Amino acid sequence: MTFRFCGVWTGYLPPNVAGMLQGWCEMSWPGHPQIQDDELLSSWIVRVGRANGLGAQAFWETINQDRNSRLASVDLRASESLLRVLADATGTSLKRIRAAMLLSKTDSTQVLRRQRHRPDLRYCSVCFSEDKEPYFRRSWQSSCVLLCDRHSAWLSANCHSCAVTVRLIMISIEQSHLAICANCGQFLSTRMDPRPESPERQQLITMQKRLVSTFSKTHSSLG
């Protein structure tokens, strides 16, 4: 029989397997980690999948309805049905899930253009080294943010070892957490950028905060 699992046509499945998957989709998933402070939606989705025994690619193909939609773009636009599957299965409010998406139309345009040509994510290696469970921040992806405002460290979009761009979809279940390069296995948190106190960096961080605040207010006023 053909079967639609979480809104996705999976093709032919034996009746017993189809029934098992349907039941799993309709109940609360056993693993439902909370969205962390400033966590990006795609980062949380991958962590939810891992908490339920699935790597990024397998979990995304399981819950995603639109075969033309990619995990790399879910932070910019996500279907209501996908958000509801995540909300119902994890016990997380839709409001909290939507808040994990990118803030402004300016950011959406900038990140979408970058992701079309090179679907990468930026990160702070110092933050990763301090995280109990590393996750990607929404603020790191803002078009006007170049430095981590906590550590004054430059954000990176590449592995410091092999230079391959970071892609969440490539993270397998065998990897212990998200701060590992899917290409070479190097920890993304191993390159420690010393906390620079140069006036130039501090001025840039101040400018970043002002721009982010402006974008956030504009986004809120537009509803």
C-alpha atoms as a PDB file:
ATOM      1  CA  MET A   1       0.000   0.000   0.000  1.00  0.00           C
ATOM      2  CA  THR A   2       1.086   3.624  -0.560  1.00  0.00           C
ATOM      3  CA  PHE A   3       1.414   5.611   2.596  1.00  0.00           C
ATOM      4  CA  ARG A   4       1.631   9.246   3.628  1.00  0.00           C
ATOM      5  CA  PHE A   5       3.808   9.700   6.721  1.00  0.00           C
ATOM      6  CA  CYS A   6       3.677  13.124   8.436  1.00  0.00           C
ATOM      7  CA  GLY A   7       2.290  14.464   5.159  1.00  0.00           C
ATOM      8  CA  VAL A   8       4.979  12.887   2.975  1.00  0.00           C
ATOM      9  CA  TRP A   9       4.325  10.217   0.363  1.00  0.00           C
ATOM     10  CA  THR A  10       6.762   7.446   1.188  1.00  0.00           C
ATOM     11  CA  GLY A  11       5.728   5.018  -1.547  1.00  0.00           C
ATOM     12  CA  TYR A  12       4.916   1.353  -0.900  1.00  0.00           C
ATOM     13  CA  LEU A  13       5.091   0.152   2.685  1.00  0.00           C
ATOM     14  CA  PRO A  14       3.800  -3.077   4.258  1.00  0.00           C
ATOM     15  CA  PRO A  15       0.631  -2.459   6.294  1.00  0.00           C
ATOM     16  CA  ASN A  16       2.322  -3.220   9.624  1.00  0.00           C
ATOM     17  CA  VAL A  17       5.143  -0.751   8.944  1.00  0.00           C
ATOM     18  CA  ALA A  18       2.716   1.897   7.710  1.00  0.00           C
ATOM     19  CA  GLY A  19       0.642   1.550  10.862  1.00  0.00           C
ATOM     20  CA  MET A  20       3.693   1.849  13.085  1.00  0.00           C
ATOM     21  CA  LEU A  21       4.871   5.029  11.356  1.00  0.00           C
ATOM     22  CA  GLN A  22       1.429   6.601  11.444  1.00  0.00           C
ATOM     23  CA  GLY A  23       1.189   5.972  15.161  1.00  0.00           C
ATOM     24  CA  TRP A  24       4.641   7.473  15.736  1.00  0.00           C
ATOM     25  CA  CYS A  25       3.707  10.579  13.766  1.00  0.00           C
ATOM     26  CA  GLU A  26       0.479  11.192  15.670  1.00  0.00           C
ATOM     27  CA  MET A  27       1.887  10.807  19.170  1.00  0.00           C
ATOM     28  CA  SER A  28       4.345  12.910  21.140  1.00  0.00           C
ATOM     29  CA  TRP A  29       7.872  11.966  20.212  1.00  0.00           C
ATOM     30  CA  PRO A  30       9.939  10.457  23.041  1.00  0.00           C
ATOM     31  CA  GLY A  31      12.732  12.990  22.504  1.00  0.00           C
ATOM     32  CA  HIS A  32      11.730  16.648  22.544  1.00  0.00           C
ATOM     33  CA  PRO A  33      14.589  18.975  23.532  1.00  0.00           C
ATOM     34  CA  GLN A  34      13.614  22.538  24.285  1.00  0.00           C
ATOM     35  CA  ILE A  35      14.514  25.400  21.991  1.00  0.00           C
ATOM     36  CA  GLN A  36      17.534  27.086  23.547  1.00  0.00           C
ATOM     37  CA  ASP A  37      18.025  30.817  23.978  1.00  0.00           C
ATOM     38  CA  ASP A  38      18.426  32.440  20.533  1.00  0.00           C
ATOM     39  CA  GLU A  39      18.460  29.009  18.835  1.00  0.00           C
ATOM     40  CA  LEU A  40      17.866  28.869  15.091  1.00  0.00           C
ATOM     41  CA  LEU A  41      14.892  26.793  13.950  1.00  0.00           C
ATOM     42  CA  SER A  42      16.923  24.468  11.716  1.00  0.00           C
ATOM     43  CA  SER A  43      19.357  23.839  14.580  1.00  0.00           C
ATOM     44  CA  TRP A  44      16.500  22.815  16.869  1.00  0.00           C
ATOM     45  CA  ILE A  45      14.934  20.598  14.198  1.00  0.00           C
ATOM     46  CA  VAL A  46      18.205  18.677  13.825  1.00  0.00           C
ATOM     47  CA  ARG A  47      18.504  18.297  17.606  1.00  0.00           C
ATOM     48  CA  VAL A  48      14.920  16.993  17.806  1.00  0.00           C
ATOM     49  CA  GLY A  49      15.689  14.420  15.142  1.00  0.00           C
ATOM     50  CA  ARG A  50      18.837  13.317  16.941  1.00  0.00           C
ATOM     51  CA  ALA A  51      16.911  13.000  20.204  1.00  0.00           C
ATOM     52  CA  ASN A  52      14.632  10.554  18.371  1.00  0.00           C
ATOM     53  CA  GLY A  53      17.411   8.506  16.803  1.00  0.00           C
ATOM     54  CA  LEU A  54      17.524  10.098  13.340  1.00  0.00           C
ATOM     55  CA  GLY A  55      20.248  12.044  11.573  1.00  0.00           C
ATOM     56  CA  ALA A  56      19.514  15.415   9.979  1.00  0.00           C
ATOM     57  CA  GLN A  57      18.765  14.153   6.464  1.00  0.00           C
ATOM     58  CA  ALA A  58      16.570  11.239   7.571  1.00  0.00           C
ATOM     59  CA  PHE A  59      14.560  13.347  10.016  1.00  0.00           C
ATOM     60  CA  TRP A  60      14.027  16.171   7.533  1.00  0.00           C
ATOM     61  CA  GLU A  61      12.765  13.752   4.880  1.00  0.00           C
ATOM     62  CA  THR A  62      10.423  12.259   7.475  1.00  0.00           C
ATOM     63  CA  ILE A  63       8.693  15.459   8.623  1.00  0.00           C
ATOM     64  CA  ASN A  64       8.928  17.646   5.526  1.00  0.00           C
ATOM     65  CA  GLN A  65       5.876  17.779   3.239  1.00  0.00           C
ATOM     66  CA  ASP A  66       7.378  19.792   0.413  1.00  0.00           C
ATOM     67  CA  ARG A  67      10.002  17.878  -1.550  1.00  0.00           C
ATOM     68  CA  ASN A  68      11.222  21.184  -3.015  1.00  0.00           C
ATOM     69  CA  SER A  69      11.864  22.617   0.438  1.00  0.00           C
ATOM     70  CA  ARG A  70      15.281  22.278   2.034  1.00  0.00           C
ATOM     71  CA  LEU A  71      16.374  22.341   5.649  1.00  0.00           C
ATOM     72  CA  ALA A  72      18.685  25.223   4.729  1.00  0.00           C
ATOM     73  CA  SER A  73      15.672  27.435   3.926  1.00  0.00           C
ATOM     74  CA  VAL A  74      13.332  26.486   6.788  1.00  0.00           C
ATOM     75  CA  ASP A  75      14.648  29.410   8.855  1.00  0.00           C
ATOM     76  CA  LEU A  76      13.330  31.776   6.182  1.00  0.00           C
ATOM     77  CA  ARG A  77      10.011  30.139   5.357  1.00  0.00           C
ATOM     78  CA  ALA A  78       8.274  27.119   6.811  1.00  0.00           C
ATOM     79  CA  SER A  79       4.839  25.695   6.028  1.00  0.00           C
ATOM     80  CA  GLU A  80       2.145  25.846   8.662  1.00  0.00           C
ATOM     81  CA  SER A  81       1.727  22.073   8.490  1.00  0.00           C
ATOM     82  CA  LEU A  82       5.414  21.493   9.268  1.00  0.00           C
ATOM     83  CA  LEU A  83       5.302  23.883  12.213  1.00  0.00           C
ATOM     84  CA  ARG A  84       2.210  22.135  13.566  1.00  0.00           C
ATOM     85  CA  VAL A  85       3.812  18.683  13.286  1.00  0.00           C
ATOM     86  CA  LEU A  86       6.767  19.978  15.300  1.00  0.00           C
ATOM     87  CA  ALA A  87       4.547  21.709  17.838  1.00  0.00           C
ATOM     88  CA  ASP A  88       2.222  18.751  18.408  1.00  0.00           C
ATOM     89  CA  ALA A  89       4.970  16.145  18.590  1.00  0.00           C
ATOM     90  CA  THR A  90       7.280  18.108  20.911  1.00  0.00           C
ATOM     91  CA  GLY A  91       4.790  19.998  23.064  1.00  0.00           C
ATOM     92  CA  THR A  92       6.330  23.309  21.958  1.00  0.00           C
ATOM     93  CA  SER A  93       4.097  26.299  21.248  1.00  0.00           C
ATOM     94  CA  LEU A  94       3.808  27.566  17.682  1.00  0.00           C
ATOM     95  CA  LYS A  95       4.737  31.017  18.936  1.00  0.00           C
ATOM     96  CA  ARG A  96       8.002  29.717  20.382  1.00  0.00           C
ATOM     97  CA  ILE A  97       8.817  27.811  17.180  1.00  0.00           C
ATOM     98  CA  ARG A  98       8.112  30.808  14.934  1.00  0.00           C
ATOM     99  CA  ALA A  99      10.338  32.946  17.165  1.00  0.00           C
ATOM    100  CA  ALA A 100      13.266  30.713  16.191  1.00  0.00           C
ATOM    101  CA  MET A 101      13.017  31.835  12.562  1.00  0.00           C
ATOM    102  CA  LEU A 102      14.959  34.801  11.196  1.00  0.00           C
ATOM    103  CA  LEU A 103      13.865  38.228  12.319  1.00  0.00           C
ATOM    104  CA  SER A 104      13.724  40.607   9.387  1.00  0.00           C
ATOM    105  CA  LYS A 105      12.977  40.706   5.707  1.00  0.00           C
ATOM    106  CA  THR A 106      16.458  42.171   5.240  1.00  0.00           C
ATOM    107  CA  ASP A 107      17.999  39.152   6.933  1.00  0.00           C
ATOM    108  CA  SER A 108      15.783  36.789   4.965  1.00  0.00           C
ATOM    109  CA  THR A 109      16.882  38.256   1.644  1.00  0.00           C
ATOM    110  CA  GLN A 110      20.548  38.240   2.610  1.00  0.00           C
ATOM    111  CA  VAL A 111      20.609  34.724   4.025  1.00  0.00           C
ATOM    112  CA  LEU A 112      18.446  33.307   1.220  1.00  0.00           C
ATOM    113  CA  ARG A 113      20.870  34.672  -1.376  1.00  0.00           C
ATOM    114  CA  ARG A 114      23.808  33.177   0.524  1.00  0.00           C
ATOM    115  CA  GLN A 115      22.088  29.832   0.991  1.00  0.00           C
ATOM    116  CA  ARG A 116      21.094  29.511  -2.672  1.00  0.00           C
ATOM    117  CA  HIS A 117      24.720  29.635  -3.697  1.00  0.00           C
ATOM    118  CA  ARG A 118      26.359  28.236  -0.570  1.00  0.00           C
ATOM    119  CA  PRO A 119      23.997  26.829   2.084  1.00  0.00           C
ATOM    120  CA  ASP A 120      26.174  27.521   5.105  1.00  0.00           C
ATOM    121  CA  LEU A 121      25.640  28.686   8.665  1.00  0.00           C
ATOM    122  CA  ARG A 122      27.807  30.990  10.708  1.00  0.00           C
ATOM    123  CA  TYR A 123      28.958  30.188  14.219  1.00  0.00           C
ATOM    124  CA  CYS A 124      31.200  31.317  17.075  1.00  0.00           C
ATOM    125  CA  SER A 125      33.745  28.638  17.978  1.00  0.00           C
ATOM    126  CA  VAL A 126      34.152  30.081  21.479  1.00  0.00           C
ATOM    127  CA  CYS A 127      30.413  29.819  22.184  1.00  0.00           C
ATOM    128  CA  PHE A 128      30.492  26.223  20.933  1.00  0.00           C
ATOM    129  CA  SER A 129      33.304  25.424  23.366  1.00  0.00           C
ATOM    130  CA  GLU A 130      31.188  26.729  26.251  1.00  0.00           C
ATOM    131  CA  ASP A 131      27.879  25.074  25.267  1.00  0.00           C
ATOM    132  CA  LYS A 132      26.817  21.979  27.176  1.00  0.00           C
ATOM    133  CA  GLU A 133      25.048  20.958  23.968  1.00  0.00           C
ATOM    134  CA  PRO A 134      26.207  23.108  21.042  1.00  0.00           C
ATOM    135  CA  TYR A 135      23.550  24.767  18.897  1.00  0.00           C
ATOM    136  CA  PHE A 136      23.412  27.440  16.188  1.00  0.00           C
ATOM    137  CA  ARG A 137      22.189  30.886  17.158  1.00  0.00           C
ATOM    138  CA  ARG A 138      19.695  32.877  15.155  1.00  0.00           C
ATOM    139  CA  SER A 139      21.605  36.111  15.801  1.00  0.00           C
ATOM    140  CA  TRP A 140      24.743  34.692  14.144  1.00  0.00           C
ATOM    141  CA  GLN A 141      22.891  34.520  10.807  1.00  0.00           C
ATOM    142  CA  SER A 142      21.885  38.176  10.747  1.00  0.00           C
ATOM    143  CA  SER A 143      23.103  40.031   7.688  1.00  0.00           C
ATOM    144  CA  CYS A 144      24.658  42.772   9.824  1.00  0.00           C
ATOM    145  CA  VAL A 145      26.456  40.575  12.382  1.00  0.00           C
ATOM    146  CA  LEU A 146      30.109  39.675  11.810  1.00  0.00           C
ATOM    147  CA  LEU A 147      31.359  39.324  15.393  1.00  0.00           C
ATOM    148  CA  CYS A 148      30.066  37.404  18.396  1.00  0.00           C
ATOM    149  CA  ASP A 149      28.982  40.145  20.782  1.00  0.00           C
ATOM    150  CA  ARG A 150      29.766  37.921  23.752  1.00  0.00           C
ATOM    151  CA  HIS A 151      33.360  37.023  22.880  1.00  0.00           C
ATOM    152  CA  SER A 152      34.267  39.648  20.263  1.00  0.00           C
ATOM    153  CA  ALA A 153      35.292  36.728  18.043  1.00  0.00           C
ATOM    154  CA  TRP A 154      34.802  36.664  14.282  1.00  0.00           C
ATOM    155  CA  LEU A 155      32.001  34.394  13.149  1.00  0.00           C
ATOM    156  CA  SER A 156      32.921  31.607  10.752  1.00  0.00           C
ATOM    157  CA  ALA A 157      30.973  29.640   8.158  1.00  0.00           C
ATOM    158  CA  ASN A 158      33.693  27.092   7.453  1.00  0.00           C
ATOM    159  CA  CYS A 159      35.464  24.303   9.257  1.00  0.00           C
ATOM    160  CA  HIS A 160      38.815  25.566  10.547  1.00  0.00           C
ATOM    161  CA  SER A 161      40.441  22.283   9.551  1.00  0.00           C
ATOM    162  CA  CYS A 162      39.184  21.409   6.050  1.00  0.00           C
ATOM    163  CA  ALA A 163      37.559  24.758   5.081  1.00  0.00           C
ATOM    164  CA  VAL A 164      34.292  23.076   4.022  1.00  0.00           C
ATOM    165  CA  THR A 165      31.191  25.158   4.705  1.00  0.00           C
ATOM    166  CA  VAL A 166      28.989  24.116   7.619  1.00  0.00           C
ATOM    167  CA  ARG A 167      25.774  22.337   6.606  1.00  0.00           C
ATOM    168  CA  LEU A 168      23.341  20.999   9.180  1.00  0.00           C
ATOM    169  CA  ILE A 169      21.746  18.575   6.733  1.00  0.00           C
ATOM    170  CA  MET A 170      25.022  16.627   6.545  1.00  0.00           C
ATOM    171  CA  ILE A 171      25.254  15.932  10.290  1.00  0.00           C
ATOM    172  CA  SER A 172      24.788  12.220  10.937  1.00  0.00           C
ATOM    173  CA  ILE A 173      23.403  10.494  14.002  1.00  0.00           C
ATOM    174  CA  GLU A 174      26.863   9.063  14.681  1.00  0.00           C
ATOM    175  CA  GLN A 175      28.270  12.502  15.429  1.00  0.00           C
ATOM    176  CA  SER A 176      28.038  13.393  19.105  1.00  0.00           C
ATOM    177  CA  HIS A 177      26.681  16.937  18.613  1.00  0.00           C
ATOM    178  CA  LEU A 178      26.154  19.737  16.094  1.00  0.00           C
ATOM    179  CA  ALA A 179      29.562  21.405  16.540  1.00  0.00           C
ATOM    180  CA  ILE A 180      31.379  18.823  14.440  1.00  0.00           C
ATOM    181  CA  CYS A 181      32.378  19.162  10.790  1.00  0.00           C
ATOM    182  CA  ALA A 182      30.402  16.599   8.783  1.00  0.00           C
ATOM    183  CA  ASN A 183      33.237  16.426   6.264  1.00  0.00           C
ATOM    184  CA  CYS A 184      36.368  15.809   8.363  1.00  0.00           C
ATOM    185  CA  GLY A 185      35.008  15.202  11.872  1.00  0.00           C
ATOM    186  CA  GLN A 186      36.901  18.113  13.411  1.00  0.00           C
ATOM    187  CA  PHE A 187      35.314  19.870  16.395  1.00  0.00           C
ATOM    188  CA  LEU A 188      34.231  23.362  15.359  1.00  0.00           C
ATOM    189  CA  SER A 189      34.854  24.527  18.918  1.00  0.00           C
ATOM    190  CA  THR A 190      38.571  23.699  18.995  1.00  0.00           C
ATOM    191  CA  ARG A 191      39.805  26.942  17.462  1.00  0.00           C
ATOM    192  CA  MET A 192      39.793  29.379  20.378  1.00  0.00           C
ATOM    193  CA  ASP A 193      39.855  33.006  19.310  1.00  0.00           C
ATOM    194  CA  PRO A 194      41.299  35.053  22.208  1.00  0.00           C
ATOM    195  CA  ARG A 195      38.980  37.763  23.438  1.00  0.00           C
ATOM    196  CA  PRO A 196      40.155  40.874  21.585  1.00  0.00           C
ATOM    197  CA  GLU A 197      39.586  44.225  23.252  1.00  0.00           C
ATOM    198  CA  SER A 198      40.489  46.446  20.303  1.00  0.00           C
ATOM    199  CA  PRO A 199      38.440  49.663  20.028  1.00  0.00           C
ATOM    200  CA  GLU A 200      37.618  48.840  16.405  1.00  0.00           C
ATOM    201  CA  ARG A 201      35.949  45.528  17.303  1.00  0.00           C
ATOM    202  CA  GLN A 202      34.043  47.083  20.168  1.00  0.00           C
ATOM    203  CA  GLN A 203      32.768  49.819  17.860  1.00  0.00           C
ATOM    204  CA  LEU A 204      31.674  47.198  15.322  1.00  0.00           C
ATOM    205  CA  ILE A 205      29.807  45.239  18.004  1.00  0.00           C
ATOM    206  CA  THR A 206      28.034  48.422  19.134  1.00  0.00           C
ATOM    207  CA  MET A 207      27.019  49.116  15.528  1.00  0.00           C
ATOM    208  CA  GLN A 208      25.805  45.519  15.118  1.00  0.00           C
ATOM    209  CA  LYS A 209      23.566  45.804  18.169  1.00  0.00           C
ATOM    210  CA  ARG A 210      22.026  49.030  16.904  1.00  0.00           C
ATOM    211  CA  LEU A 211      21.306  47.549  13.475  1.00  0.00           C
ATOM    212  CA  VAL A 212      19.822  44.356  14.928  1.00  0.00           C
ATOM    213  CA  SER A 213      17.625  46.412  17.245  1.00  0.00           C
ATOM    214  CA  THR A 214      16.437  48.532  14.302  1.00  0.00           C
ATOM    215  CA  PHE A 215      15.641  45.462  12.175  1.00  0.00           C
ATOM    216  CA  SER A 216      13.801  43.852  15.085  1.00  0.00           C
ATOM    217  CA  LYS A 217      11.643  46.932  15.700  1.00  0.00           C
ATOM    218  CA  THR A 218      10.875  47.248  11.988  1.00  0.00           C
ATOM    219  CA  HIS A 219       9.880  43.578  11.803  1.00  0.00           C
ATOM    220  CA  SER A 220       7.613  43.967  14.857  1.00  0.00           C
ATOM    221  CA  SER A 221       5.918  47.075  13.464  1.00  0.00           C
ATOM    222  CA  LEU A 222       5.181  45.258  10.209  1.00  0.00           C
ATOM    223  CA  GLY A 223       3.511  42.466  12.196  1.00  0.00           C
END
